[in-house]
Protein backbone atom coordinates (compact mmCIF):
# COMPACT_ATOMS: atom_id res chain seq x y z
CA MET A 1 3.06 -20.37 8.24
CA LEU A 2 0.60 -17.39 7.42
CA LYS A 3 0.12 -16.15 3.82
CA ILE A 4 -0.47 -12.77 2.51
CA ILE A 5 -0.91 -10.24 -0.44
CA PHE A 6 0.00 -7.38 -0.86
CA ILE A 7 -1.50 -4.96 -3.48
CA SER A 8 0.49 -2.02 -4.53
CA ASP A 9 -1.45 1.62 -5.26
CA ILE A 10 -4.40 0.91 -7.18
CA VAL A 11 -5.10 3.98 -9.87
CA GLY A 12 -8.80 4.73 -10.79
CA LYS A 13 -11.50 3.07 -12.54
CA ILE A 14 -9.37 1.01 -14.80
CA GLY A 15 -6.92 -0.32 -11.50
CA ARG A 16 -10.16 -1.36 -9.50
CA LYS A 17 -11.21 -3.32 -12.45
CA ALA A 18 -8.33 -4.91 -12.74
CA VAL A 19 -8.38 -6.24 -8.89
CA THR A 20 -11.90 -7.15 -9.36
CA TYR A 21 -10.45 -9.71 -12.28
CA GLU A 22 -7.61 -10.52 -10.97
CA LEU A 23 -7.43 -11.15 -7.03
CA PRO A 24 -9.70 -13.70 -7.33
CA LYS A 25 -7.42 -15.97 -9.23
CA LEU A 26 -4.46 -14.92 -7.15
CA LYS A 27 -6.62 -16.35 -3.82
CA ARG A 28 -6.99 -19.67 -5.42
CA GLN A 29 -3.42 -19.78 -6.60
CA TYR A 30 -1.59 -18.33 -3.01
CA ASN A 31 -5.12 -19.06 -0.57
CA PRO A 32 -3.96 -16.45 1.87
CA ASP A 33 -5.11 -15.53 4.93
CA LEU A 34 -4.69 -11.85 4.62
CA VAL A 35 -5.03 -9.23 1.61
CA ILE A 36 -3.87 -5.91 2.02
CA ALA A 37 -4.04 -3.34 -0.72
CA ASN A 38 -2.75 0.38 -1.48
CA VAL A 39 -5.78 2.58 -1.96
CA GLU A 40 -4.78 6.33 -1.87
CA ASN A 41 -4.97 6.34 -5.77
CA LEU A 42 -8.15 4.85 -5.87
CA ALA A 43 -10.56 7.11 -7.10
CA HIS A 44 -9.71 8.88 -9.99
CA GLY A 45 -6.22 8.72 -9.28
CA ILE A 46 -5.66 10.88 -6.16
CA GLY A 47 -7.84 9.50 -2.77
CA PHE A 48 -10.62 7.38 -2.20
CA THR A 49 -14.57 7.29 -1.23
CA ASN A 50 -17.31 4.94 0.37
CA SER A 51 -17.98 3.32 -3.57
CA THR A 52 -14.49 2.56 -4.50
CA LEU A 53 -13.59 1.29 -1.17
CA GLU A 54 -16.62 -1.31 -1.44
CA GLU A 55 -15.62 -2.26 -4.71
CA MET A 56 -12.07 -3.34 -2.98
CA LYS A 57 -13.85 -5.05 0.05
CA ARG A 58 -16.52 -7.28 -2.89
CA ALA A 59 -13.20 -7.83 -4.46
CA GLY A 60 -11.66 -9.24 -1.51
CA VAL A 61 -9.18 -6.99 0.11
CA ASP A 62 -9.32 -7.46 3.77
CA ILE A 63 -7.42 -3.89 5.00
CA CYS A 64 -6.66 -0.78 2.88
CA THR A 65 -3.31 1.21 3.50
CA SER A 66 -2.71 5.07 1.99
CA GLY A 67 -0.46 7.78 2.48
CA ASN A 68 -0.50 11.16 1.71
CA HIS A 69 -3.53 11.47 -0.73
CA ALA A 70 -5.57 10.00 2.28
CA TRP A 71 -7.39 13.24 2.54
CA LYS A 72 -7.58 14.50 -0.85
CA LYS A 73 -11.08 13.67 -1.37
CA ALA A 74 -14.73 14.89 0.58
CA GLY A 75 -16.13 12.72 3.01
CA SER A 76 -12.21 10.93 3.65
CA ASP A 77 -12.71 12.00 7.46
CA ALA A 78 -15.78 10.26 8.19
CA ILE A 79 -14.53 7.19 6.28
CA LEU A 80 -10.84 7.01 8.25
CA ASP A 81 -12.86 7.89 11.43
CA LEU A 82 -15.27 4.79 11.32
CA ASN A 83 -14.56 2.80 14.67
CA ASP A 84 -13.70 -0.20 12.16
CA SER A 85 -12.09 1.64 10.11
CA TYR A 86 -11.44 -0.57 6.90
CA VAL A 87 -8.64 1.84 5.76
CA ILE A 88 -5.85 3.61 7.73
CA ARG A 89 -3.50 6.25 6.78
CA PRO A 90 -0.05 6.95 7.79
CA ALA A 91 0.59 6.56 11.44
CA ASN A 92 3.12 9.71 11.49
CA TYR A 93 0.51 12.48 10.88
CA PRO A 94 -0.38 14.47 13.88
CA SER A 95 -3.07 12.41 16.27
CA LYS A 96 -5.39 15.35 15.89
CA LYS A 97 -6.17 14.19 11.83
CA SER A 98 -8.70 11.87 11.01
CA GLY A 99 -7.88 8.29 11.44
CA ILE A 100 -5.83 5.79 12.68
CA GLY A 101 -2.39 4.79 11.63
CA TYR A 102 -2.53 0.71 11.94
CA LYS A 103 -4.71 -2.21 12.72
CA THR A 104 -4.39 -5.39 14.43
CA VAL A 105 -6.15 -8.34 13.48
CA LYS A 106 -6.59 -11.78 14.42
CA ILE A 107 -5.47 -14.47 12.23
CA GLY A 108 -5.59 -17.99 13.39
CA LYS A 109 -3.68 -17.71 16.64
CA ASN A 110 -1.31 -14.92 16.16
CA ASN A 111 -2.29 -11.06 15.76
CA VAL A 112 -1.15 -9.22 12.87
CA THR A 113 -1.10 -5.44 12.91
CA VAL A 114 -0.74 -3.92 9.54
CA VAL A 115 0.95 0.19 9.83
CA ASN A 116 1.13 2.90 7.27
CA LEU A 117 3.64 5.43 7.29
CA LEU A 118 4.80 8.13 5.37
CA GLY A 119 8.62 8.96 4.05
CA GLN A 120 10.09 12.33 5.01
CA VAL A 121 12.48 12.52 2.04
CA PHE A 122 11.26 14.45 -0.71
CA ILE A 123 7.53 14.86 0.75
CA ASP A 124 6.09 17.88 0.61
CA GLU A 125 4.26 17.21 3.82
CA GLU A 126 5.54 19.54 6.90
CA GLU A 127 3.93 18.20 9.71
CA ILE A 128 4.66 14.86 9.52
CA ASP A 129 7.02 13.08 12.08
CA SER A 130 9.81 10.70 11.73
CA PRO A 131 8.36 7.18 10.74
CA PHE A 132 11.37 5.56 12.72
CA LYS A 133 10.02 7.35 15.86
CA VAL A 134 6.75 6.44 15.61
CA MET A 135 7.51 2.68 14.71
CA GLU A 136 9.50 2.64 18.06
CA LYS A 137 6.90 3.79 19.66
CA ILE A 138 4.27 1.58 17.90
CA LEU A 139 6.53 -1.55 18.23
CA LYS A 140 6.83 -0.38 22.34
CA LYS A 141 2.53 -1.15 22.12
CA VAL A 142 2.10 -3.94 20.03
CA GLY A 143 5.32 -5.59 18.81
CA LYS A 144 5.91 -8.41 21.85
CA ASP A 145 2.21 -9.36 21.06
CA SER A 146 1.40 -8.99 17.54
CA PHE A 147 3.69 -9.18 13.84
CA VAL A 148 3.89 -6.30 12.18
CA LEU A 149 3.81 -5.71 8.61
CA VAL A 150 4.53 -2.04 7.42
CA ASP A 151 3.35 -0.28 3.89
CA PHE A 152 6.09 2.43 4.03
CA HIS A 153 4.76 5.10 1.62
CA ALA A 154 7.92 6.79 0.27
CA GLU A 155 9.52 8.33 -2.85
CA ALA A 156 13.22 7.86 -1.32
CA THR A 157 14.77 4.38 -1.98
CA SER A 158 17.43 5.31 0.76
CA GLU A 159 14.88 6.18 3.31
CA LYS A 160 12.95 3.19 2.46
CA THR A 161 15.84 0.98 2.97
CA ALA A 162 17.26 2.38 5.58
CA PHE A 163 13.79 1.87 7.55
CA ALA A 164 14.06 -1.89 6.66
CA ASN A 165 17.10 -2.63 7.83
CA TYR A 166 16.94 -0.71 10.98
CA PHE A 167 13.63 -2.51 11.96
CA ASP A 168 15.26 -6.08 10.46
CA GLY A 169 14.18 -8.65 12.51
CA GLN A 170 11.64 -6.33 14.53
CA LEU A 171 9.16 -6.50 11.61
CA SER A 172 7.36 -9.39 9.46
CA ALA A 173 7.73 -7.22 6.42
CA VAL A 174 8.72 -3.48 4.94
CA LEU A 175 7.28 -2.81 2.07
CA GLY A 176 7.67 0.00 -0.34
CA THR A 177 4.61 2.18 -2.15
CA HIS A 178 4.54 5.73 -3.92
CA THR A 179 6.78 5.56 -6.75
CA HIS A 180 4.67 3.30 -8.82
CA VAL A 181 7.44 1.29 -10.25
CA GLN A 182 8.06 -2.15 -8.97
CA THR A 183 11.81 -2.96 -7.79
CA ALA A 184 13.46 -5.78 -8.40
CA ASP A 185 15.08 -6.37 -4.94
CA GLU A 186 12.74 -7.88 -2.83
CA ARG A 187 14.60 -9.78 -0.23
CA ILE A 188 14.82 -11.30 3.46
CA LEU A 189 16.97 -9.43 5.44
CA ASP A 190 19.55 -11.04 7.61
CA LYS A 191 17.46 -11.06 10.81
CA GLY A 192 14.39 -12.18 9.00
CA THR A 193 12.12 -8.86 8.09
CA ALA A 194 10.73 -9.39 3.85
CA PHE A 195 11.54 -6.30 2.16
CA ILE A 196 11.38 -4.54 -1.44
CA THR A 197 11.66 -1.25 -2.13
CA ASP A 198 8.58 -0.63 -4.17
CA VAL A 199 6.09 -3.04 -5.00
CA GLY A 200 4.73 -0.86 -7.95
CA MET A 201 1.10 -0.09 -8.99
CA VAL A 202 -2.20 -1.70 -10.52
CA GLY A 203 -3.50 0.55 -13.59
CA TYR A 204 -3.38 1.62 -16.52
CA TYR A 205 -0.50 0.17 -18.79
CA ASP A 206 0.20 3.02 -21.13
CA SER A 207 0.57 5.74 -19.21
CA ILE A 208 3.02 6.89 -16.86
CA ILE A 209 2.50 5.50 -13.38
CA GLY A 210 -0.78 5.27 -13.92
CA ALA A 211 -1.45 8.99 -14.63
CA GLU A 212 -2.40 9.80 -18.80
CA LYS A 213 1.08 10.86 -20.62
CA LYS A 214 -0.14 14.22 -21.63
CA GLN A 215 -0.85 15.23 -18.42
CA ILE A 216 2.64 14.71 -17.42
CA PHE A 217 4.45 15.66 -20.06
CA ASN A 218 2.67 19.37 -19.63
CA LEU A 219 3.36 18.96 -15.50
CA PHE A 220 7.37 19.03 -16.54
CA LEU A 221 7.02 21.49 -19.40
CA GLY A 222 5.69 23.83 -16.94
CA GLN A 223 2.44 23.83 -18.90
CA GLY A 224 -0.13 23.48 -15.85
CA LYS A 225 -0.56 21.87 -12.60
CA SER A 226 -0.95 18.37 -11.54
CA SER A 227 -4.76 17.34 -12.11
CA LYS A 228 -6.55 16.20 -8.96
CA ARG A 229 -7.68 13.39 -11.15
CA HIS A 230 -6.22 11.06 -14.08
CA ASP A 231 -8.19 11.05 -17.08
CA LEU A 232 -7.83 7.44 -18.12
CA PRO A 233 -9.34 5.11 -20.00
CA GLU A 234 -11.51 2.29 -18.28
CA LYS A 235 -10.85 -0.66 -20.40
CA GLY A 236 -7.68 -1.28 -22.11
CA LYS A 237 -3.98 -2.81 -21.24
CA VAL A 238 -3.64 -2.82 -17.27
CA LEU A 239 -0.31 -3.56 -15.25
CA PHE A 240 -0.95 -5.31 -11.73
CA ASN A 241 2.19 -5.40 -9.31
CA GLY A 242 1.70 -6.92 -5.82
CA ALA A 243 3.61 -9.06 -3.32
CA TYR A 244 3.12 -12.75 -1.93
CA LEU A 245 4.39 -13.11 1.62
CA GLU A 246 4.67 -16.14 3.53
CA ILE A 247 5.26 -15.70 7.31
CA ASN A 248 6.62 -17.97 9.95
CA ALA A 249 3.52 -18.56 13.00
CA LYS A 250 5.73 -19.37 15.73
CA THR A 251 8.58 -16.50 15.03
CA GLY A 252 7.00 -13.72 12.89
CA LEU A 253 9.87 -13.61 10.89
CA ALA A 254 9.69 -13.98 7.03
CA HIS A 255 9.80 -17.33 5.58
CA LYS A 256 9.07 -16.13 1.63
CA ILE A 257 8.88 -12.46 -0.57
CA GLU A 258 7.52 -13.38 -4.14
CA ARG A 259 7.02 -10.22 -6.49
CA ILE A 260 3.68 -10.30 -8.35
CA TYR A 261 3.56 -8.71 -11.75
CA LYS A 262 1.39 -9.08 -14.51
CA SER A 263 -0.04 -7.51 -17.35
CA PHE A 264 -3.49 -8.37 -19.36
CA THR A 265 -6.45 -6.53 -20.95
CA ILE A 266 -9.51 -5.46 -19.60
CA ASN A 267 -12.22 -5.80 -22.31
CA LYS A 268 -15.34 -3.95 -20.44
């Protein structure tokens, strides 16, 4: 049985502190073979940097996924273009964009491919291709020789559910991200693919999806544009969301999916 922990959208410094604090405990509890984390909100709430990614590597994260904010920080192109890239970007952006959209690692005798895709519904990105068509192309390349897990970074619950069911039995898991609100619909679909509409976030508890509340109030009241950073405290109560997966090492199909939902206080 392959054991995998997936940590959803990590928001800012308080989110990074939460991962550093909690992930070692989760690793002792679950003894995972692979730890994946979505990092598109890692640095001040939008994007990532070398130093913030290094924090997550030291905390025990093996592979990072991202989303539509992957290129928001200066230096992101260089990070994404590294030959042994620690972080991947949505595969359905054009190939001319920096980085790669999936990464394959060896776990024992098995190859495991982690794919990052971006939804199209309610996403203001004109240049992205259909995640369905891109996933079909990836499966033609790696599907027979690798188990495949997808971080599907999307707004619409319908798009995420349609994607998971369309590829049911061909993927080990489809893990929704982007909304920062954990859904209580984790399940194994009829043909063996684990699915949850959204895994949630790791960030400041008393916030609006990880952002300072007044900042979001002003946005909805038309009193300002969304900031490129979230002004949040570095300590206080945090929400830690993730998912734990068990994958059959012979079939690549899911045996178990379990939501991780914790809240605790970061004191320093």
